[in-house]
Every structure is written in C-alpha cells, then in structure tokens.
C-alpha cells in the first residue's frame, strides 16, 4: 500500500490494521535517519505503533506494534534546520532527524503540540507521557 503522508490516511490505515484499537489525531510523529525509510510513530496513550514507509515512494514496508515497557524515554528537540526525536530503549538509542523543509503539515502541528513551545522536551519517561 502507498500512503500520501496525510494524517487522516495514515490513521485510516492503522484502523484497518488494528480494528480493535482507537486512533486519534495529533499522535503521529515522523522519524528519519539520513535517507533511510521513514518511520511513522503513533504515540497512543497505551498503544505504540511504528509504520516503516519507503522514503522515495511512500510504500508501506511493515507495521509493528511496540511495547512501551521497553522504552525509557522519548525526547524532542527543535533545531534550526531539523526536528529531532530520540527514543531510548533498554538496548539502544534511536536518533531521528526530519528536515523542516520536508515536513508534512501534520508532523509540524503534532511536533509543536508535543514540544509545547520549548526548544527541547522529554515527552515520555518512566512509563508515562509528560
């Protein structure tokens, strides 16, 4: 399946994949490492999903439910040219950058909502959203 990187379309896709779950706007963030595939994270209150999407064609590669218990913290940072997201797990540190020039409207809005006007902010730590 190919996505247009529109929030409503991504949420519809997630609803098809996980019909027993409820999804709401404002919970999606995009992460990218260099020119690798995009990783679209849905940060639900008790449900975390990542969708791997091809960088060049926006083709869905995989969709995986993740376990919040394995995540220690999620931090966001608003840089000059890039928006950064760091996810710390027990095993590794995942670092993502998204160019402000390539951001989708929903990613910009959701990032602003999560970071709450600060330059840097931890949004999830010790099993809860802050």
C-alpha atoms as a PDB file:
ATOM      1  CA  UNK A   1       0.000   0.000   0.000  1.00  0.00           C
ATOM      2  CA  UNK A   2       1.173   3.522  -0.772  1.00  0.00           C
ATOM      3  CA  UNK A   3       0.497   6.455   1.574  1.00  0.00           C
ATOM      4  CA  UNK A   4       0.314  10.171   0.785  1.00  0.00           C
ATOM      5  CA  UNK A   5       1.618  11.087   4.252  1.00  0.00           C
ATOM      6  CA  UNK A   6      -1.652  12.680   5.251  1.00  0.00           C
ATOM      7  CA  UNK A   7      -2.696  12.165   8.843  1.00  0.00           C
ATOM      8  CA  UNK A   8      -6.246  11.044   8.030  1.00  0.00           C
ATOM      9  CA  UNK A   9      -4.984   8.468   5.525  1.00  0.00           C
ATOM     10  CA  UNK A  10      -2.394   7.093   7.964  1.00  0.00           C
ATOM     11  CA  UNK A  11      -4.997   6.839  10.730  1.00  0.00           C
ATOM     12  CA  UNK A  12      -7.374   5.028   8.349  1.00  0.00           C
ATOM     13  CA  UNK A  13      -4.577   2.589   7.512  1.00  0.00           C
ATOM     14  CA  UNK A  14      -3.924   1.968  11.221  1.00  0.00           C
ATOM     15  CA  UNK A  15      -7.641   1.403  11.855  1.00  0.00           C
ATOM     16  CA  UNK A  16      -7.625  -1.274   9.147  1.00  0.00           C
ATOM     17  CA  UNK A  17      -4.567  -2.961  10.654  1.00  0.00           C
ATOM     18  CA  UNK A  18      -5.764  -2.731  14.278  1.00  0.00           C
ATOM     19  CA  UNK A  19      -9.596  -2.577  14.190  1.00  0.00           C
ATOM     20  CA  UNK A  20      -9.873  -3.216  17.946  1.00  0.00           C
ATOM     21  CA  UNK A  21      -7.935  -0.011  18.758  1.00  0.00           C
ATOM     22  CA  UNK A  22      -9.000   3.627  18.729  1.00  0.00           C
ATOM     23  CA  UNK A  23      -6.786   6.177  16.980  1.00  0.00           C
ATOM     24  CA  UNK A  24      -6.943   9.954  17.277  1.00  0.00           C
ATOM     25  CA  UNK A  25      -5.349  12.908  15.515  1.00  0.00           C
ATOM     26  CA  UNK A  26      -2.314  14.637  16.952  1.00  0.00           C
ATOM     27  CA  UNK A  27      -0.430  11.470  17.988  1.00  0.00           C
ATOM     28  CA  UNK A  28       1.718  10.818  14.859  1.00  0.00           C
ATOM     29  CA  UNK A  29       5.389  11.789  14.517  1.00  0.00           C
ATOM     30  CA  UNK A  30       7.760  11.012  11.651  1.00  0.00           C
ATOM     31  CA  UNK A  31      11.337   9.933  12.221  1.00  0.00           C
ATOM     32  CA  UNK A  32      14.068   9.524   9.641  1.00  0.00           C
ATOM     33  CA  UNK A  33      17.737   8.611   9.875  1.00  0.00           C
ATOM     34  CA  UNK A  34      19.646  10.199   6.966  1.00  0.00           C
ATOM     35  CA  UNK A  35      17.995   8.961   3.738  1.00  0.00           C
ATOM     36  CA  UNK A  36      16.664   5.724   5.217  1.00  0.00           C
ATOM     37  CA  UNK A  37      12.988   4.827   5.124  1.00  0.00           C
ATOM     38  CA  UNK A  38      10.586   6.953   7.149  1.00  0.00           C
ATOM     39  CA  UNK A  39       9.351   5.646  10.466  1.00  0.00           C
ATOM     40  CA  UNK A  40       5.918   6.975  11.372  1.00  0.00           C
ATOM     41  CA  UNK A  41       5.212   6.554  15.081  1.00  0.00           C
ATOM     42  CA  UNK A  42       1.724   6.580  16.554  1.00  0.00           C
ATOM     43  CA  UNK A  43       2.092   7.517  20.234  1.00  0.00           C
ATOM     44  CA  UNK A  44      -1.237   6.431  21.698  1.00  0.00           C
ATOM     45  CA  UNK A  45      -1.825   6.649  25.435  1.00  0.00           C
ATOM     46  CA  UNK A  46      -1.415   2.885  25.821  1.00  0.00           C
ATOM     47  CA  UNK A  47      -0.643   1.738  22.282  1.00  0.00           C
ATOM     48  CA  UNK A  48       2.539   2.385  20.260  1.00  0.00           C
ATOM     49  CA  UNK A  49       2.840   1.533  16.570  1.00  0.00           C
ATOM     50  CA  UNK A  50       5.560   2.198  14.002  1.00  0.00           C
ATOM     51  CA  UNK A  51       4.937   2.143  10.260  1.00  0.00           C
ATOM     52  CA  UNK A  52       8.011   1.783   8.042  1.00  0.00           C
ATOM     53  CA  UNK A  53       7.435   3.713   4.805  1.00  0.00           C
ATOM     54  CA  UNK A  54       9.721   3.915   1.758  1.00  0.00           C
ATOM     55  CA  UNK A  55      11.472   7.289   1.537  1.00  0.00           C
ATOM     56  CA  UNK A  56      11.128   7.670  -2.225  1.00  0.00           C
ATOM     57  CA  UNK A  57       7.751   6.080  -2.957  1.00  0.00           C
ATOM     58  CA  UNK A  58       5.899   6.174   0.411  1.00  0.00           C
ATOM     59  CA  UNK A  59       5.171   2.464   0.079  1.00  0.00           C
ATOM     60  CA  UNK A  60       4.327   0.792   3.399  1.00  0.00           C
ATOM     61  CA  UNK A  61       7.035  -1.767   4.197  1.00  0.00           C
ATOM     62  CA  UNK A  62       5.977  -3.001   7.653  1.00  0.00           C
ATOM     63  CA  UNK A  63       3.705  -2.093  10.537  1.00  0.00           C
ATOM     64  CA  UNK A  64       4.647  -3.175  14.048  1.00  0.00           C
ATOM     65  CA  UNK A  65       3.129  -2.741  17.467  1.00  0.00           C
ATOM     66  CA  UNK A  66       5.808  -1.822  20.018  1.00  0.00           C
ATOM     67  CA  UNK A  67       5.873  -2.255  23.776  1.00  0.00           C
ATOM     68  CA  UNK A  68       6.029   0.958  25.835  1.00  0.00           C
ATOM     69  CA  UNK A  69       7.653  -1.034  28.663  1.00  0.00           C
ATOM     70  CA  UNK A  70      10.827  -1.321  26.574  1.00  0.00           C
ATOM     71  CA  UNK A  71      11.043   2.454  26.111  1.00  0.00           C
ATOM     72  CA  UNK A  72      12.766   4.526  28.774  1.00  0.00           C
ATOM     73  CA  UNK A  73      12.153   7.954  27.284  1.00  0.00           C
ATOM     74  CA  UNK A  74      11.250   9.895  24.164  1.00  0.00           C
ATOM     75  CA  UNK A  75      12.721  13.374  23.700  1.00  0.00           C
ATOM     76  CA  UNK A  76      12.128  16.013  21.028  1.00  0.00           C
ATOM     77  CA  UNK A  77      14.389  18.878  20.001  1.00  0.00           C
ATOM     78  CA  UNK A  78      13.591  21.762  17.662  1.00  0.00           C
ATOM     79  CA  UNK A  79      16.771  22.661  15.755  1.00  0.00           C
ATOM     80  CA  UNK A  80      17.450  25.349  13.163  1.00  0.00           C
ATOM     81  CA  UNK A  81      17.126  23.080  10.120  1.00  0.00           C
ATOM     82  CA  UNK A  82      15.922  19.813  11.629  1.00  0.00           C
ATOM     83  CA  UNK A  83      13.453  18.482  14.133  1.00  0.00           C
ATOM     84  CA  UNK A  84      14.987  15.701  16.201  1.00  0.00           C
ATOM     85  CA  UNK A  85      13.456  12.793  18.064  1.00  0.00           C
ATOM     86  CA  UNK A  86      15.408  10.471  20.369  1.00  0.00           C
ATOM     87  CA  UNK A  87      13.961   7.207  21.643  1.00  0.00           C
ATOM     88  CA  UNK A  88      15.893   5.489  24.428  1.00  0.00           C
ATOM     89  CA  UNK A  89      15.248   1.797  24.997  1.00  0.00           C
ATOM     90  CA  UNK A  90      16.939  -0.688  27.296  1.00  0.00           C
ATOM     91  CA  UNK A  91      19.083  -1.919  24.400  1.00  0.00           C
ATOM     92  CA  UNK A  92      19.719   1.105  22.180  1.00  0.00           C
ATOM     93  CA  UNK A  93      19.402   4.799  21.473  1.00  0.00           C
ATOM     94  CA  UNK A  94      17.419   5.610  18.324  1.00  0.00           C
ATOM     95  CA  UNK A  95      18.009   9.059  16.852  1.00  0.00           C
ATOM     96  CA  UNK A  96      15.908  10.608  14.110  1.00  0.00           C
ATOM     97  CA  UNK A  97      16.033  13.896  12.230  1.00  0.00           C
ATOM     98  CA  UNK A  98      13.386  15.356   9.970  1.00  0.00           C
ATOM     99  CA  UNK A  99      14.234  18.322   7.767  1.00  0.00           C
ATOM    100  CA  UNK A 100      11.930  21.271   8.346  1.00  0.00           C
ATOM    101  CA  UNK A 101      11.801  21.730   4.566  1.00  0.00           C
ATOM    102  CA  UNK A 102      10.384  18.240   4.039  1.00  0.00           C
ATOM    103  CA  UNK A 103       7.929  18.195   6.935  1.00  0.00           C
ATOM    104  CA  UNK A 104       4.308  17.386   6.344  1.00  0.00           C
ATOM    105  CA  UNK A 105       1.701  19.723   7.829  1.00  0.00           C
ATOM    106  CA  UNK A 106       0.501  17.159  10.361  1.00  0.00           C
ATOM    107  CA  UNK A 107       4.065  16.400  11.533  1.00  0.00           C
ATOM    108  CA  UNK A 108       4.726  20.093  12.090  1.00  0.00           C
ATOM    109  CA  UNK A 109       1.472  20.543  14.018  1.00  0.00           C
ATOM    110  CA  UNK A 110       1.892  17.369  16.086  1.00  0.00           C
ATOM    111  CA  UNK A 111       5.535  18.151  16.874  1.00  0.00           C
ATOM    112  CA  UNK A 112       4.506  21.609  18.112  1.00  0.00           C
ATOM    113  CA  UNK A 113       1.743  20.063  20.215  1.00  0.00           C
ATOM    114  CA  UNK A 114       4.125  17.571  21.855  1.00  0.00           C
ATOM    115  CA  UNK A 115       7.016  20.016  22.422  1.00  0.00           C
ATOM    116  CA  UNK A 116       4.708  22.765  23.790  1.00  0.00           C
ATOM    117  CA  UNK A 117       6.716  25.749  22.530  1.00  0.00           C
ATOM    118  CA  UNK A 118      10.012  24.644  24.059  1.00  0.00           C
ATOM    119  CA  UNK A 119      13.245  24.047  22.135  1.00  0.00           C
ATOM    120  CA  UNK A 120      13.774  20.664  23.777  1.00  0.00           C
ATOM    121  CA  UNK A 121      11.381  18.489  25.751  1.00  0.00           C
ATOM    122  CA  UNK A 122      11.047  14.945  27.081  1.00  0.00           C
ATOM    123  CA  UNK A 123       7.538  13.798  26.130  1.00  0.00           C
ATOM    124  CA  UNK A 124       7.597  10.271  27.576  1.00  0.00           C
ATOM    125  CA  UNK A 125       9.532   8.912  30.545  1.00  0.00           C
ATOM    126  CA  UNK A 126       9.117   6.234  33.227  1.00  0.00           C
ATOM    127  CA  UNK A 127       6.018   4.751  31.597  1.00  0.00           C
ATOM    128  CA  UNK A 128       4.009   7.936  31.161  1.00  0.00           C
ATOM    129  CA  UNK A 129       3.570  10.960  28.938  1.00  0.00           C
ATOM    130  CA  UNK A 130       4.739  14.213  30.489  1.00  0.00           C
END
